[in-house]
Amino acid sequence: MKLVVTTTIIDQFIAKYGDTETIGAYAINHLPLFYRIPKMYILLLTSKELIVIRLKSLKIEEKEVEKIPLKAIQQLKIKKQLLGGKIKLQSTNGEQKFVIQTTVLGISTYQKQFLEKIGAFVR
């Protein structure tokens, strides 16, 4: 059984954790090829913080929620690729790497909007 993330699911997390300006996206962690099952996330970007919601393996249930204030982000790198982008985030909580694919059916506009909005912080 595969995990299927839809705009409705992302909107439910936005309603629970976000505000009116929140944008959400589905991401996986950036891992070497020999890891079989990647960790799956819903990333929410509000006007004040980045909310990282880790999902349970193959289920759309939250396993843990981490809120990172935008002021606590020390370094943010975005590497755009043909099928999406890689985000490398360094904050007071440590380093995290995510992959956001913009070709995911049904949520591609959410994915692209998220990469554009988080890219504004890099500039």
N, C-alpha and C. Protein backbone atom coordinates (compact mmCIF):
# COMPACT_ATOMS: atom_id res chain seq x y z
N MET A 1 0.84 -1.18 0.00
CA MET A 1 0.00 0.00 0.00
C MET A 1 0.88 1.24 0.00
N LYS A 2 0.62 2.13 -0.95
CA LYS A 2 1.41 3.34 -1.04
C LYS A 2 0.69 4.50 -0.36
N LEU A 3 1.47 5.43 0.14
CA LEU A 3 0.94 6.64 0.73
C LEU A 3 0.53 7.59 -0.39
N VAL A 4 -0.70 8.08 -0.35
CA VAL A 4 -1.18 9.02 -1.35
C VAL A 4 -1.54 10.32 -0.63
N VAL A 5 -0.82 11.37 -0.97
CA VAL A 5 -1.06 12.68 -0.36
C VAL A 5 -1.82 13.52 -1.38
N THR A 6 -2.93 14.09 -0.94
CA THR A 6 -3.76 14.93 -1.80
C THR A 6 -3.80 16.35 -1.24
N THR A 7 -4.36 17.25 -2.02
CA THR A 7 -4.49 18.64 -1.56
C THR A 7 -5.39 18.71 -0.32
N THR A 8 -6.38 17.84 -0.24
CA THR A 8 -7.27 17.81 0.92
C THR A 8 -6.49 17.49 2.20
N ILE A 9 -5.59 16.56 2.11
CA ILE A 9 -4.78 16.18 3.27
C ILE A 9 -3.87 17.33 3.69
N ILE A 10 -3.22 17.96 2.72
CA ILE A 10 -2.37 19.10 3.05
C ILE A 10 -3.20 20.23 3.65
N ASP A 11 -4.39 20.47 3.09
CA ASP A 11 -5.27 21.51 3.63
C ASP A 11 -5.71 21.21 5.07
N GLN A 12 -5.89 19.94 5.41
CA GLN A 12 -6.26 19.57 6.78
C GLN A 12 -5.13 19.93 7.75
N PHE A 13 -3.88 19.67 7.35
CA PHE A 13 -2.76 20.05 8.21
C PHE A 13 -2.60 21.57 8.28
N ILE A 14 -2.87 22.27 7.20
CA ILE A 14 -2.82 23.74 7.21
C ILE A 14 -3.88 24.28 8.17
N ALA A 15 -5.09 23.71 8.14
CA ALA A 15 -6.16 24.15 9.04
C ALA A 15 -5.79 23.90 10.50
N LYS A 16 -5.09 22.81 10.76
CA LYS A 16 -4.74 22.45 12.14
C LYS A 16 -3.58 23.28 12.68
N TYR A 17 -2.54 23.52 11.86
CA TYR A 17 -1.33 24.15 12.35
C TYR A 17 -1.04 25.54 11.78
N GLY A 18 -1.68 25.90 10.69
CA GLY A 18 -1.29 27.11 9.98
C GLY A 18 -2.18 28.30 10.25
N ASP A 19 -1.93 29.34 9.44
CA ASP A 19 -2.76 30.54 9.46
C ASP A 19 -3.23 30.81 8.03
N THR A 20 -3.74 32.00 7.77
CA THR A 20 -4.30 32.29 6.45
C THR A 20 -3.25 32.35 5.35
N GLU A 21 -1.99 32.58 5.69
CA GLU A 21 -0.93 32.71 4.69
C GLU A 21 -0.08 31.45 4.57
N THR A 22 -0.48 30.36 5.17
CA THR A 22 0.32 29.14 5.20
C THR A 22 0.27 28.41 3.86
N ILE A 23 1.45 27.93 3.46
CA ILE A 23 1.58 27.09 2.27
C ILE A 23 2.15 25.75 2.71
N GLY A 24 1.64 24.68 2.14
CA GLY A 24 2.09 23.35 2.52
C GLY A 24 2.61 22.56 1.34
N ALA A 25 3.41 21.54 1.65
CA ALA A 25 3.96 20.66 0.62
C ALA A 25 4.27 19.30 1.23
N TYR A 26 4.35 18.31 0.37
CA TYR A 26 4.75 16.96 0.75
C TYR A 26 6.22 16.80 0.42
N ALA A 27 6.98 16.22 1.35
CA ALA A 27 8.42 16.05 1.13
C ALA A 27 8.87 14.72 1.71
N ILE A 28 10.00 14.26 1.22
CA ILE A 28 10.69 13.11 1.81
C ILE A 28 12.07 13.57 2.21
N ASN A 29 12.68 12.83 3.13
CA ASN A 29 14.03 13.22 3.52
C ASN A 29 15.02 12.78 2.46
N HIS A 30 16.09 13.51 2.35
CA HIS A 30 17.11 13.22 1.35
C HIS A 30 18.05 12.17 1.94
N LEU A 31 18.04 10.98 1.33
CA LEU A 31 18.83 9.86 1.84
C LEU A 31 19.71 9.27 0.75
N PRO A 32 20.77 8.61 1.15
CA PRO A 32 21.54 7.84 0.16
C PRO A 32 20.67 6.73 -0.44
N LEU A 33 21.07 6.22 -1.57
CA LEU A 33 20.26 5.24 -2.31
C LEU A 33 20.03 3.92 -1.59
N PHE A 34 20.90 3.54 -0.66
CA PHE A 34 20.75 2.23 -0.04
C PHE A 34 19.68 2.18 1.05
N TYR A 35 19.08 3.31 1.42
CA TYR A 35 17.96 3.29 2.36
C TYR A 35 16.68 2.97 1.59
N ARG A 36 15.91 2.05 2.08
CA ARG A 36 14.73 1.58 1.35
C ARG A 36 13.52 2.51 1.50
N ILE A 37 13.12 2.79 2.73
CA ILE A 37 11.91 3.56 2.96
C ILE A 37 12.28 4.95 3.48
N PRO A 38 12.01 5.98 2.70
CA PRO A 38 12.32 7.34 3.16
C PRO A 38 11.30 7.80 4.21
N LYS A 39 11.71 8.74 5.02
CA LYS A 39 10.78 9.35 5.96
C LYS A 39 9.96 10.37 5.19
N MET A 40 8.67 10.44 5.49
CA MET A 40 7.76 11.31 4.76
C MET A 40 7.28 12.44 5.65
N TYR A 41 7.14 13.62 5.05
CA TYR A 41 6.81 14.82 5.80
C TYR A 41 5.77 15.65 5.07
N ILE A 42 5.05 16.43 5.86
CA ILE A 42 4.27 17.55 5.36
C ILE A 42 4.98 18.78 5.92
N LEU A 43 5.40 19.67 5.03
CA LEU A 43 6.06 20.91 5.44
C LEU A 43 5.07 22.05 5.30
N LEU A 44 4.95 22.85 6.34
CA LEU A 44 4.07 24.01 6.33
C LEU A 44 4.90 25.25 6.59
N LEU A 45 4.76 26.24 5.74
CA LEU A 45 5.49 27.49 5.89
C LEU A 45 4.48 28.59 6.21
N THR A 46 4.56 29.10 7.44
CA THR A 46 3.70 30.21 7.86
C THR A 46 4.51 31.49 7.79
N SER A 47 3.92 32.58 8.22
CA SER A 47 4.64 33.85 8.20
C SER A 47 5.68 33.93 9.32
N LYS A 48 5.61 33.02 10.29
CA LYS A 48 6.52 33.08 11.44
C LYS A 48 7.40 31.85 11.62
N GLU A 49 6.98 30.71 11.07
CA GLU A 49 7.73 29.48 11.33
C GLU A 49 7.57 28.46 10.22
N LEU A 50 8.48 27.50 10.22
CA LEU A 50 8.40 26.32 9.36
C LEU A 50 7.98 25.16 10.25
N ILE A 51 6.90 24.51 9.89
CA ILE A 51 6.38 23.40 10.68
C ILE A 51 6.68 22.12 9.90
N VAL A 52 7.41 21.22 10.55
CA VAL A 52 7.80 19.95 9.93
C VAL A 52 6.99 18.85 10.61
N ILE A 53 6.09 18.24 9.86
CA ILE A 53 5.23 17.17 10.38
C ILE A 53 5.71 15.86 9.78
N ARG A 54 6.25 15.01 10.62
CA ARG A 54 6.71 13.69 10.14
C ARG A 54 5.53 12.74 10.18
N LEU A 55 5.32 12.03 9.07
CA LEU A 55 4.22 11.08 8.96
C LEU A 55 4.68 9.69 9.33
N LYS A 56 3.75 8.89 9.83
CA LYS A 56 4.05 7.49 10.09
C LYS A 56 4.29 6.79 8.76
N SER A 57 5.09 5.76 8.77
CA SER A 57 5.40 5.03 7.54
C SER A 57 4.13 4.49 6.90
N LEU A 58 3.92 4.87 5.67
CA LEU A 58 2.80 4.41 4.84
C LEU A 58 1.42 4.75 5.39
N LYS A 59 1.35 5.74 6.29
CA LYS A 59 0.06 6.19 6.81
C LYS A 59 0.06 7.71 6.84
N ILE A 60 -1.12 8.27 6.73
CA ILE A 60 -1.22 9.72 6.79
C ILE A 60 -1.66 10.09 8.21
N GLU A 61 -0.79 9.82 9.14
CA GLU A 61 -0.97 10.18 10.55
C GLU A 61 0.33 10.81 11.01
N GLU A 62 0.20 11.83 11.82
CA GLU A 62 1.41 12.51 12.26
C GLU A 62 2.14 11.70 13.33
N LYS A 63 3.43 11.60 13.17
CA LYS A 63 4.26 10.89 14.14
C LYS A 63 4.88 11.89 15.10
N GLU A 64 5.40 12.99 14.55
CA GLU A 64 5.94 14.05 15.39
C GLU A 64 5.85 15.37 14.65
N VAL A 65 5.79 16.45 15.41
CA VAL A 65 5.67 17.79 14.86
C VAL A 65 6.79 18.64 15.43
N GLU A 66 7.51 19.31 14.54
CA GLU A 66 8.60 20.19 14.95
C GLU A 66 8.34 21.58 14.37
N LYS A 67 8.35 22.57 15.23
CA LYS A 67 8.14 23.95 14.79
C LYS A 67 9.46 24.70 14.87
N ILE A 68 9.89 25.23 13.73
CA ILE A 68 11.16 25.94 13.64
C ILE A 68 10.85 27.40 13.33
N PRO A 69 11.08 28.32 14.27
CA PRO A 69 10.87 29.74 13.97
C PRO A 69 11.78 30.17 12.82
N LEU A 70 11.25 31.03 11.94
CA LEU A 70 12.05 31.48 10.80
C LEU A 70 13.32 32.21 11.25
N LYS A 71 13.27 32.85 12.41
CA LYS A 71 14.45 33.55 12.94
C LYS A 71 15.53 32.57 13.38
N ALA A 72 15.15 31.32 13.67
CA ALA A 72 16.11 30.31 14.13
C ALA A 72 16.82 29.62 12.97
N ILE A 73 16.38 29.88 11.75
CA ILE A 73 17.02 29.27 10.59
C ILE A 73 18.31 30.01 10.29
N GLN A 74 19.42 29.29 10.43
CA GLN A 74 20.73 29.89 10.25
C GLN A 74 21.18 29.84 8.80
N GLN A 75 20.83 28.76 8.11
CA GLN A 75 21.23 28.59 6.71
C GLN A 75 20.16 27.82 5.97
N LEU A 76 19.87 28.27 4.77
CA LEU A 76 18.86 27.64 3.94
C LEU A 76 19.37 27.60 2.52
N LYS A 77 19.49 26.39 1.97
CA LYS A 77 19.94 26.23 0.59
C LYS A 77 18.88 25.47 -0.18
N ILE A 78 18.59 25.96 -1.36
CA ILE A 78 17.63 25.29 -2.24
C ILE A 78 18.32 25.00 -3.55
N LYS A 79 18.29 23.75 -3.94
CA LYS A 79 18.87 23.34 -5.21
C LYS A 79 17.73 22.87 -6.10
N LYS A 80 17.41 23.68 -7.09
CA LYS A 80 16.31 23.32 -8.00
C LYS A 80 16.79 22.29 -9.00
N GLN A 81 15.92 21.32 -9.25
CA GLN A 81 16.21 20.26 -10.18
C GLN A 81 15.07 20.14 -11.17
N LEU A 82 15.23 19.28 -12.13
CA LEU A 82 14.22 19.11 -13.17
C LEU A 82 12.87 18.67 -12.60
N LEU A 83 12.87 17.77 -11.65
CA LEU A 83 11.62 17.23 -11.10
C LEU A 83 11.23 17.80 -9.74
N GLY A 84 11.90 18.87 -9.30
CA GLY A 84 11.57 19.45 -8.00
C GLY A 84 12.73 20.21 -7.43
N GLY A 85 12.95 20.02 -6.13
CA GLY A 85 14.03 20.73 -5.48
C GLY A 85 14.47 20.04 -4.20
N LYS A 86 15.72 20.31 -3.83
CA LYS A 86 16.27 19.81 -2.56
C LYS A 86 16.44 21.01 -1.64
N ILE A 87 16.04 20.82 -0.40
CA ILE A 87 16.16 21.87 0.60
C ILE A 87 17.09 21.39 1.69
N LYS A 88 18.10 22.18 1.99
CA LYS A 88 19.01 21.89 3.09
C LYS A 88 18.84 23.01 4.11
N LEU A 89 18.46 22.63 5.31
CA LEU A 89 18.07 23.57 6.34
C LEU A 89 18.96 23.41 7.56
N GLN A 90 19.61 24.47 7.97
CA GLN A 90 20.43 24.45 9.18
C GLN A 90 19.79 25.42 10.17
N SER A 91 19.39 24.89 11.33
CA SER A 91 18.77 25.73 12.36
C SER A 91 19.39 25.40 13.71
N THR A 92 18.88 26.02 14.74
CA THR A 92 19.37 25.73 16.08
C THR A 92 19.06 24.29 16.50
N ASN A 93 18.10 23.66 15.83
CA ASN A 93 17.73 22.27 16.12
C ASN A 93 18.58 21.25 15.38
N GLY A 94 19.44 21.71 14.46
CA GLY A 94 20.27 20.80 13.69
C GLY A 94 20.04 20.96 12.20
N GLU A 95 20.56 20.00 11.44
CA GLU A 95 20.46 20.04 9.98
C GLU A 95 19.43 19.04 9.48
N GLN A 96 18.64 19.48 8.50
CA GLN A 96 17.66 18.60 7.88
C GLN A 96 17.72 18.80 6.38
N LYS A 97 17.47 17.70 5.64
CA LYS A 97 17.46 17.75 4.18
C LYS A 97 16.15 17.14 3.69
N PHE A 98 15.52 17.85 2.76
CA PHE A 98 14.24 17.40 2.21
C PHE A 98 14.29 17.43 0.69
N VAL A 99 13.50 16.57 0.09
CA VAL A 99 13.30 16.57 -1.36
C VAL A 99 11.81 16.82 -1.61
N ILE A 100 11.53 17.83 -2.42
CA ILE A 100 10.16 18.15 -2.80
C ILE A 100 10.05 17.93 -4.30
N GLN A 101 9.18 17.00 -4.69
CA GLN A 101 9.00 16.69 -6.11
C GLN A 101 7.81 17.47 -6.64
N THR A 102 8.04 18.23 -7.71
CA THR A 102 6.97 19.06 -8.27
C THR A 102 6.13 18.31 -9.30
N THR A 103 6.44 17.06 -9.53
CA THR A 103 5.69 16.28 -10.53
C THR A 103 4.68 15.33 -9.90
N VAL A 104 4.43 15.45 -8.60
CA VAL A 104 3.47 14.58 -7.93
C VAL A 104 2.06 14.96 -8.39
N LEU A 105 1.35 14.00 -8.95
CA LEU A 105 0.01 14.28 -9.48
C LEU A 105 -0.94 14.78 -8.39
N GLY A 106 -1.69 15.80 -8.71
CA GLY A 106 -2.69 16.33 -7.79
C GLY A 106 -2.20 17.42 -6.87
N ILE A 107 -0.93 17.41 -6.52
CA ILE A 107 -0.42 18.43 -5.59
C ILE A 107 0.75 19.22 -6.17
N SER A 108 0.94 19.14 -7.46
CA SER A 108 2.11 19.80 -8.08
C SER A 108 2.08 21.32 -7.88
N THR A 109 0.89 21.93 -7.89
CA THR A 109 0.83 23.38 -7.67
C THR A 109 1.23 23.74 -6.25
N TYR A 110 0.83 22.93 -5.28
CA TYR A 110 1.25 23.15 -3.89
C TYR A 110 2.77 23.06 -3.77
N GLN A 111 3.34 22.04 -4.42
CA GLN A 111 4.78 21.81 -4.36
C GLN A 111 5.54 23.00 -4.95
N LYS A 112 5.10 23.47 -6.10
CA LYS A 112 5.76 24.60 -6.77
C LYS A 112 5.63 25.88 -5.96
N GLN A 113 4.44 26.14 -5.42
CA GLN A 113 4.22 27.34 -4.60
C GLN A 113 5.11 27.32 -3.36
N PHE A 114 5.25 26.16 -2.74
CA PHE A 114 6.08 26.06 -1.55
C PHE A 114 7.53 26.38 -1.87
N LEU A 115 8.04 25.79 -2.96
CA LEU A 115 9.44 26.05 -3.35
C LEU A 115 9.66 27.52 -3.69
N GLU A 116 8.68 28.17 -4.31
CA GLU A 116 8.80 29.59 -4.63
C GLU A 116 8.82 30.43 -3.36
N LYS A 117 7.91 30.13 -2.42
CA LYS A 117 7.83 30.94 -1.21
C LYS A 117 9.04 30.74 -0.30
N ILE A 118 9.49 29.51 -0.16
CA ILE A 118 10.66 29.29 0.69
C ILE A 118 11.93 29.82 0.00
N GLY A 119 11.91 29.85 -1.34
CA GLY A 119 13.02 30.42 -2.08
C GLY A 119 13.18 31.91 -1.86
N ALA A 120 12.09 32.59 -1.48
CA ALA A 120 12.15 34.02 -1.20
C ALA A 120 13.02 34.33 0.02
N PHE A 121 13.15 33.36 0.93
CA PHE A 121 13.99 33.56 2.12
C PHE A 121 15.47 33.49 1.79
N VAL A 122 15.80 32.81 0.71
CA VAL A 122 17.20 32.66 0.32
C VAL A 122 17.73 33.95 -0.28
N ARG A 123 16.89 34.64 -1.01
CA ARG A 123 17.31 35.87 -1.69
C ARG A 123 17.56 37.00 -0.75
